[in-house]
């Protein structure tokens, strides 16, 4: 196998592992705070959560974990200064996702609902 094929197979394996541990598959449009549509996508095996209204990126390339979560250290919160980065975790559920970010011992979490 070529390197891109091996990477694609590895990413698919992680996605399949994530699918067995979680109730939903990543991707689609989710509502943040009830009225902010967020496009959730997986590109090159990385998870991105982009606010549709202005292109603000929150997840910044999180990676799939064996337990079905997605984790990363470059997550951004739209209500915080742009230079701040957080360690984050995204967990998919049957009806949406839970997103949590922590920095300097302070954490914030939100539940987003998947649009049909």
N, C-alpha and C. Protein backbone atom coordinates (compact mmCIF):
# COMPACT_ATOMS: atom_id res chain seq x y z
N UNK A 1 0.83 -1.18 0.00
CA UNK A 1 0.00 0.00 0.00
C UNK A 1 0.87 1.25 0.00
N UNK A 2 0.37 2.30 -0.65
CA UNK A 2 1.08 3.57 -0.63
C UNK A 2 0.78 4.29 0.68
N UNK A 3 1.60 5.30 1.00
CA UNK A 3 1.40 6.03 2.25
C UNK A 3 0.00 6.65 2.34
N UNK A 4 -0.52 7.33 1.26
CA UNK A 4 -1.88 7.87 1.39
C UNK A 4 -2.92 6.78 1.63
N UNK A 5 -2.73 5.61 1.01
CA UNK A 5 -3.68 4.52 1.20
C UNK A 5 -3.62 4.00 2.64
N UNK A 6 -2.40 3.91 3.18
CA UNK A 6 -2.24 3.45 4.56
C UNK A 6 -2.89 4.46 5.51
N UNK A 7 -2.67 5.77 5.27
CA UNK A 7 -3.28 6.79 6.13
C UNK A 7 -4.80 6.73 6.03
N UNK A 8 -5.32 6.55 4.82
CA UNK A 8 -6.77 6.48 4.65
C UNK A 8 -7.33 5.26 5.38
N UNK A 9 -6.63 4.13 5.28
CA UNK A 9 -7.08 2.92 5.97
C UNK A 9 -7.03 3.11 7.48
N UNK A 10 -5.99 3.79 7.97
CA UNK A 10 -5.89 4.05 9.41
C UNK A 10 -7.01 4.97 9.87
N UNK A 11 -7.29 6.02 9.09
CA UNK A 11 -8.38 6.94 9.44
C UNK A 11 -9.72 6.22 9.45
N UNK A 12 -9.94 5.35 8.45
CA UNK A 12 -11.19 4.59 8.40
C UNK A 12 -11.29 3.68 9.61
N UNK A 13 -10.19 3.06 10.01
CA UNK A 13 -10.20 2.20 11.19
C UNK A 13 -10.56 2.98 12.44
N UNK A 14 -10.01 4.20 12.57
CA UNK A 14 -10.35 5.04 13.72
C UNK A 14 -11.81 5.44 13.69
N UNK A 15 -12.32 5.77 12.50
CA UNK A 15 -13.73 6.13 12.39
C UNK A 15 -14.62 4.95 12.74
N UNK A 16 -14.25 3.77 12.29
CA UNK A 16 -15.05 2.59 12.62
C UNK A 16 -15.00 2.32 14.12
N UNK A 17 -13.82 2.48 14.71
CA UNK A 17 -13.71 2.28 16.15
C UNK A 17 -14.56 3.32 16.88
N UNK A 18 -14.53 4.55 16.39
CA UNK A 18 -15.35 5.60 17.00
C UNK A 18 -16.82 5.27 16.86
N UNK A 19 -17.19 4.72 15.73
CA UNK A 19 -18.60 4.38 15.50
C UNK A 19 -19.09 3.30 16.44
N UNK A 20 -18.23 2.39 16.83
CA UNK A 20 -18.68 1.34 17.74
C UNK A 20 -18.80 1.85 19.16
N UNK A 21 -18.04 2.90 19.49
CA UNK A 21 -18.08 3.40 20.85
C UNK A 21 -19.09 4.53 21.02
N UNK A 22 -19.52 5.14 19.92
CA UNK A 22 -20.46 6.24 20.03
C UNK A 22 -21.72 5.92 19.25
N UNK A 23 -22.76 6.71 19.49
CA UNK A 23 -24.05 6.43 18.90
C UNK A 23 -24.25 7.09 17.56
N UNK A 24 -23.35 7.96 17.12
CA UNK A 24 -23.56 8.69 15.89
C UNK A 24 -22.25 8.84 15.12
N UNK A 25 -22.38 9.11 13.85
CA UNK A 25 -21.23 9.32 12.99
C UNK A 25 -21.00 10.83 12.86
N UNK A 26 -19.74 11.29 12.94
CA UNK A 26 -19.46 12.71 12.81
C UNK A 26 -19.91 13.24 11.46
N UNK A 27 -20.23 14.49 11.42
CA UNK A 27 -20.58 15.16 10.17
C UNK A 27 -22.01 15.67 10.18
N UNK A 28 -22.21 16.78 9.50
CA UNK A 28 -23.53 17.37 9.41
C UNK A 28 -23.56 18.75 10.04
N UNK A 29 -24.77 19.26 10.20
CA UNK A 29 -24.96 20.58 10.80
C UNK A 29 -25.54 20.41 12.19
N UNK A 30 -24.94 21.11 13.15
CA UNK A 30 -25.35 21.06 14.55
C UNK A 30 -25.71 22.47 15.00
N UNK A 31 -26.61 22.59 15.96
CA UNK A 31 -26.97 23.89 16.50
C UNK A 31 -26.28 24.13 17.83
N UNK A 32 -25.53 25.22 17.88
CA UNK A 32 -24.87 25.66 19.11
C UNK A 32 -25.73 26.75 19.73
N UNK A 33 -26.01 26.65 21.01
CA UNK A 33 -26.83 27.62 21.73
C UNK A 33 -28.20 27.80 21.08
N UNK A 34 -28.67 26.78 20.40
CA UNK A 34 -30.02 26.79 19.84
C UNK A 34 -30.21 27.53 18.54
N UNK A 35 -29.26 28.43 18.18
CA UNK A 35 -29.49 29.19 16.95
C UNK A 35 -28.24 29.43 16.10
N UNK A 36 -27.11 28.85 16.47
CA UNK A 36 -25.88 29.02 15.70
C UNK A 36 -25.56 27.73 14.96
N UNK A 37 -25.81 27.66 13.66
CA UNK A 37 -25.48 26.44 12.92
C UNK A 37 -23.97 26.26 12.76
N UNK A 38 -23.52 25.06 13.08
CA UNK A 38 -22.10 24.70 13.00
C UNK A 38 -21.96 23.53 12.04
N UNK A 39 -21.09 23.68 11.05
CA UNK A 39 -20.80 22.59 10.11
C UNK A 39 -19.70 21.72 10.72
N UNK A 40 -20.01 20.46 10.96
CA UNK A 40 -19.04 19.52 11.51
C UNK A 40 -18.62 18.58 10.38
N UNK A 41 -17.32 18.56 10.12
CA UNK A 41 -16.79 17.76 9.02
C UNK A 41 -15.54 17.00 9.46
N UNK A 42 -15.24 15.94 8.74
CA UNK A 42 -13.98 15.22 8.91
C UNK A 42 -13.23 15.36 7.59
N UNK A 43 -12.03 15.92 7.67
CA UNK A 43 -11.20 16.11 6.48
C UNK A 43 -9.81 15.59 6.79
N UNK A 44 -9.34 14.69 5.94
CA UNK A 44 -8.02 14.07 6.14
C UNK A 44 -7.89 13.45 7.53
N UNK A 45 -9.00 12.86 8.01
CA UNK A 45 -9.00 12.17 9.30
C UNK A 45 -9.06 13.09 10.51
N UNK A 46 -9.26 14.39 10.30
CA UNK A 46 -9.32 15.37 11.39
C UNK A 46 -10.72 15.96 11.46
N UNK A 47 -11.17 16.29 12.67
CA UNK A 47 -12.50 16.84 12.91
C UNK A 47 -12.44 18.37 12.97
N UNK A 48 -13.37 19.00 12.25
CA UNK A 48 -13.49 20.45 12.22
C UNK A 48 -14.92 20.84 12.56
N UNK A 49 -15.10 21.92 13.31
CA UNK A 49 -16.41 22.45 13.71
C UNK A 49 -16.41 23.94 13.35
N UNK A 50 -17.06 24.29 12.25
CA UNK A 50 -16.99 25.64 11.72
C UNK A 50 -18.34 26.34 11.81
N UNK A 51 -18.37 27.50 12.46
CA UNK A 51 -19.60 28.28 12.53
C UNK A 51 -19.92 28.78 11.13
N UNK A 52 -21.10 28.44 10.64
CA UNK A 52 -21.48 28.72 9.26
C UNK A 52 -21.58 30.23 8.99
N UNK A 53 -22.08 31.00 9.93
CA UNK A 53 -22.30 32.44 9.72
C UNK A 53 -21.03 33.20 9.35
N UNK A 54 -19.89 32.83 9.96
CA UNK A 54 -18.68 33.62 9.72
C UNK A 54 -17.41 32.80 9.50
N UNK A 55 -17.52 31.48 9.43
CA UNK A 55 -16.36 30.63 9.18
C UNK A 55 -15.45 30.43 10.38
N UNK A 56 -15.89 30.83 11.57
CA UNK A 56 -15.07 30.67 12.78
C UNK A 56 -14.87 29.19 13.07
N UNK A 57 -13.62 28.76 13.17
CA UNK A 57 -13.28 27.35 13.39
C UNK A 57 -13.03 27.09 14.87
N UNK A 58 -13.78 26.13 15.45
CA UNK A 58 -13.64 25.84 16.87
C UNK A 58 -12.81 24.59 17.15
N UNK A 59 -12.97 23.55 16.36
CA UNK A 59 -12.30 22.28 16.69
C UNK A 59 -10.86 22.22 16.20
N UNK A 60 -10.57 22.84 15.08
CA UNK A 60 -9.20 22.96 14.58
C UNK A 60 -8.44 21.64 14.42
N UNK A 61 -9.05 20.65 13.82
CA UNK A 61 -8.34 19.43 13.48
C UNK A 61 -8.15 18.44 14.61
N UNK A 62 -9.20 18.11 15.31
CA UNK A 62 -9.12 17.12 16.39
C UNK A 62 -8.96 15.71 15.80
N UNK A 63 -8.35 14.82 16.57
CA UNK A 63 -8.11 13.47 16.08
C UNK A 63 -8.98 12.45 16.82
N UNK A 64 -9.38 11.43 16.07
CA UNK A 64 -10.22 10.36 16.63
C UNK A 64 -9.41 9.53 17.62
N UNK A 65 -10.06 9.14 18.70
CA UNK A 65 -9.46 8.30 19.73
C UNK A 65 -10.12 6.92 19.71
N UNK A 66 -9.45 5.94 20.26
CA UNK A 66 -9.97 4.58 20.28
C UNK A 66 -11.28 4.46 21.05
N UNK A 67 -11.53 5.37 21.99
CA UNK A 67 -12.75 5.30 22.80
C UNK A 67 -13.96 5.97 22.13
N UNK A 68 -13.78 6.46 20.89
CA UNK A 68 -14.88 7.09 20.16
C UNK A 68 -14.94 8.60 20.29
N UNK A 69 -14.09 9.18 21.13
CA UNK A 69 -14.05 10.64 21.26
C UNK A 69 -13.08 11.21 20.23
N UNK A 70 -13.13 12.52 20.10
CA UNK A 70 -12.17 13.26 19.26
C UNK A 70 -11.48 14.24 20.21
N UNK A 71 -10.14 14.36 20.10
CA UNK A 71 -9.40 15.23 21.02
C UNK A 71 -8.42 16.09 20.25
N UNK A 72 -8.13 17.26 20.84
CA UNK A 72 -7.15 18.16 20.24
C UNK A 72 -6.76 19.25 21.20
N UNK A 73 -5.64 19.88 20.94
CA UNK A 73 -5.13 20.92 21.82
C UNK A 73 -5.20 22.32 21.25
N UNK A 74 -5.88 22.48 20.09
CA UNK A 74 -5.95 23.81 19.48
C UNK A 74 -7.39 24.31 19.37
N UNK A 75 -8.26 23.82 20.22
CA UNK A 75 -9.66 24.22 20.15
C UNK A 75 -9.80 25.69 20.56
N UNK A 76 -10.75 26.39 19.92
CA UNK A 76 -11.01 27.79 20.23
C UNK A 76 -12.47 27.96 20.63
N UNK A 77 -12.71 28.91 21.53
CA UNK A 77 -14.07 29.21 21.99
C UNK A 77 -14.46 30.57 21.41
N UNK A 78 -15.60 30.66 20.72
CA UNK A 78 -15.95 31.91 20.06
C UNK A 78 -16.23 33.08 21.02
N UNK A 79 -16.43 32.79 22.29
CA UNK A 79 -16.70 33.86 23.26
C UNK A 79 -15.44 34.26 24.03
N UNK A 80 -14.29 33.74 23.63
CA UNK A 80 -13.02 34.03 24.30
C UNK A 80 -12.08 34.73 23.30
N UNK A 81 -11.04 35.39 23.80
CA UNK A 81 -10.08 36.02 22.89
C UNK A 81 -9.50 35.01 21.90
N UNK A 82 -9.30 35.44 20.67
CA UNK A 82 -8.85 34.55 19.60
C UNK A 82 -7.51 33.88 19.82
N UNK A 83 -6.64 34.46 20.65
CA UNK A 83 -5.32 33.86 20.86
C UNK A 83 -5.38 32.66 21.81
N UNK A 84 -6.50 32.51 22.54
CA UNK A 84 -6.60 31.42 23.52
C UNK A 84 -6.86 30.09 22.81
N UNK A 85 -6.17 29.05 23.27
CA UNK A 85 -6.35 27.70 22.75
C UNK A 85 -6.69 26.79 23.93
N UNK A 86 -7.49 25.76 23.66
CA UNK A 86 -7.95 24.87 24.72
C UNK A 86 -7.69 23.43 24.33
N UNK A 87 -7.49 22.57 25.33
CA UNK A 87 -7.51 21.13 25.12
C UNK A 87 -8.98 20.74 25.08
N UNK A 88 -9.39 20.08 24.02
CA UNK A 88 -10.81 19.80 23.88
C UNK A 88 -11.13 18.35 23.58
N UNK A 89 -12.38 18.02 23.85
CA UNK A 89 -12.91 16.68 23.59
C UNK A 89 -14.30 16.83 22.99
N UNK A 90 -14.56 16.08 21.93
CA UNK A 90 -15.89 16.02 21.32
C UNK A 90 -16.36 14.58 21.39
N UNK A 91 -17.58 14.39 21.87
CA UNK A 91 -18.21 13.07 21.94
C UNK A 91 -19.54 13.15 21.21
N UNK A 92 -19.74 12.26 20.25
CA UNK A 92 -20.99 12.24 19.49
C UNK A 92 -22.02 11.36 20.20
N UNK A 93 -23.28 11.80 20.12
CA UNK A 93 -24.39 11.05 20.71
C UNK A 93 -25.40 10.76 19.61
N UNK A 94 -26.47 10.09 19.95
CA UNK A 94 -27.50 9.77 18.96
C UNK A 94 -28.20 11.02 18.44
N UNK A 95 -28.24 12.10 19.22
CA UNK A 95 -28.98 13.30 18.82
C UNK A 95 -28.10 14.53 18.63
N UNK A 96 -26.81 14.41 18.87
CA UNK A 96 -25.95 15.57 18.73
C UNK A 96 -24.53 15.28 19.15
N UNK A 97 -23.93 16.26 19.81
CA UNK A 97 -22.57 16.07 20.31
C UNK A 97 -22.38 16.86 21.58
N UNK A 98 -21.40 16.45 22.35
CA UNK A 98 -20.97 17.17 23.54
C UNK A 98 -19.55 17.63 23.28
N UNK A 99 -19.29 18.92 23.54
CA UNK A 99 -17.97 19.47 23.30
C UNK A 99 -17.48 20.11 24.60
N UNK A 100 -16.22 19.85 24.94
CA UNK A 100 -15.66 20.36 26.20
C UNK A 100 -14.25 20.87 25.93
N UNK A 101 -13.94 22.02 26.50
CA UNK A 101 -12.60 22.58 26.38
C UNK A 101 -12.08 23.03 27.72
N UNK A 102 -10.78 22.83 27.96
CA UNK A 102 -10.16 23.20 29.23
C UNK A 102 -8.83 23.91 28.99
N UNK A 103 -8.60 24.95 29.80
CA UNK A 103 -7.31 25.64 29.79
C UNK A 103 -7.07 26.19 31.19
N UNK A 104 -5.86 26.03 31.68
CA UNK A 104 -5.47 26.54 33.00
C UNK A 104 -6.44 26.13 34.10
N UNK A 105 -6.92 24.91 34.02
CA UNK A 105 -7.80 24.38 35.05
C UNK A 105 -9.25 24.83 34.96
N UNK A 106 -9.57 25.65 33.97
CA UNK A 106 -10.95 26.08 33.76
C UNK A 106 -11.52 25.34 32.56
N UNK A 107 -12.75 24.84 32.71
CA UNK A 107 -13.37 24.07 31.63
C UNK A 107 -14.75 24.64 31.32
N UNK A 108 -15.17 24.45 30.08
CA UNK A 108 -16.50 24.83 29.66
C UNK A 108 -16.99 23.71 28.74
N UNK A 109 -18.27 23.43 28.79
CA UNK A 109 -18.81 22.39 27.91
C UNK A 109 -20.16 22.84 27.37
N UNK A 110 -20.51 22.29 26.23
CA UNK A 110 -21.77 22.58 25.57
C UNK A 110 -22.30 21.30 24.93
N UNK A 111 -23.60 21.23 24.79
CA UNK A 111 -24.25 20.15 24.04
C UNK A 111 -24.88 20.78 22.80
N UNK A 112 -24.54 20.25 21.63
CA UNK A 112 -25.10 20.75 20.38
C UNK A 112 -26.06 19.70 19.82
N UNK A 113 -27.15 20.14 19.24
CA UNK A 113 -28.15 19.25 18.68
C UNK A 113 -27.94 19.13 17.17
N UNK A 114 -27.98 17.90 16.67
CA UNK A 114 -27.81 17.70 15.23
C UNK A 114 -29.10 18.07 14.52
N UNK A 115 -28.98 18.84 13.42
CA UNK A 115 -30.13 19.16 12.62
C UNK A 115 -30.44 18.00 11.69
N UNK A 116 -31.71 17.82 11.42
CA UNK A 116 -32.11 16.71 10.56
C UNK A 116 -32.07 17.09 9.11
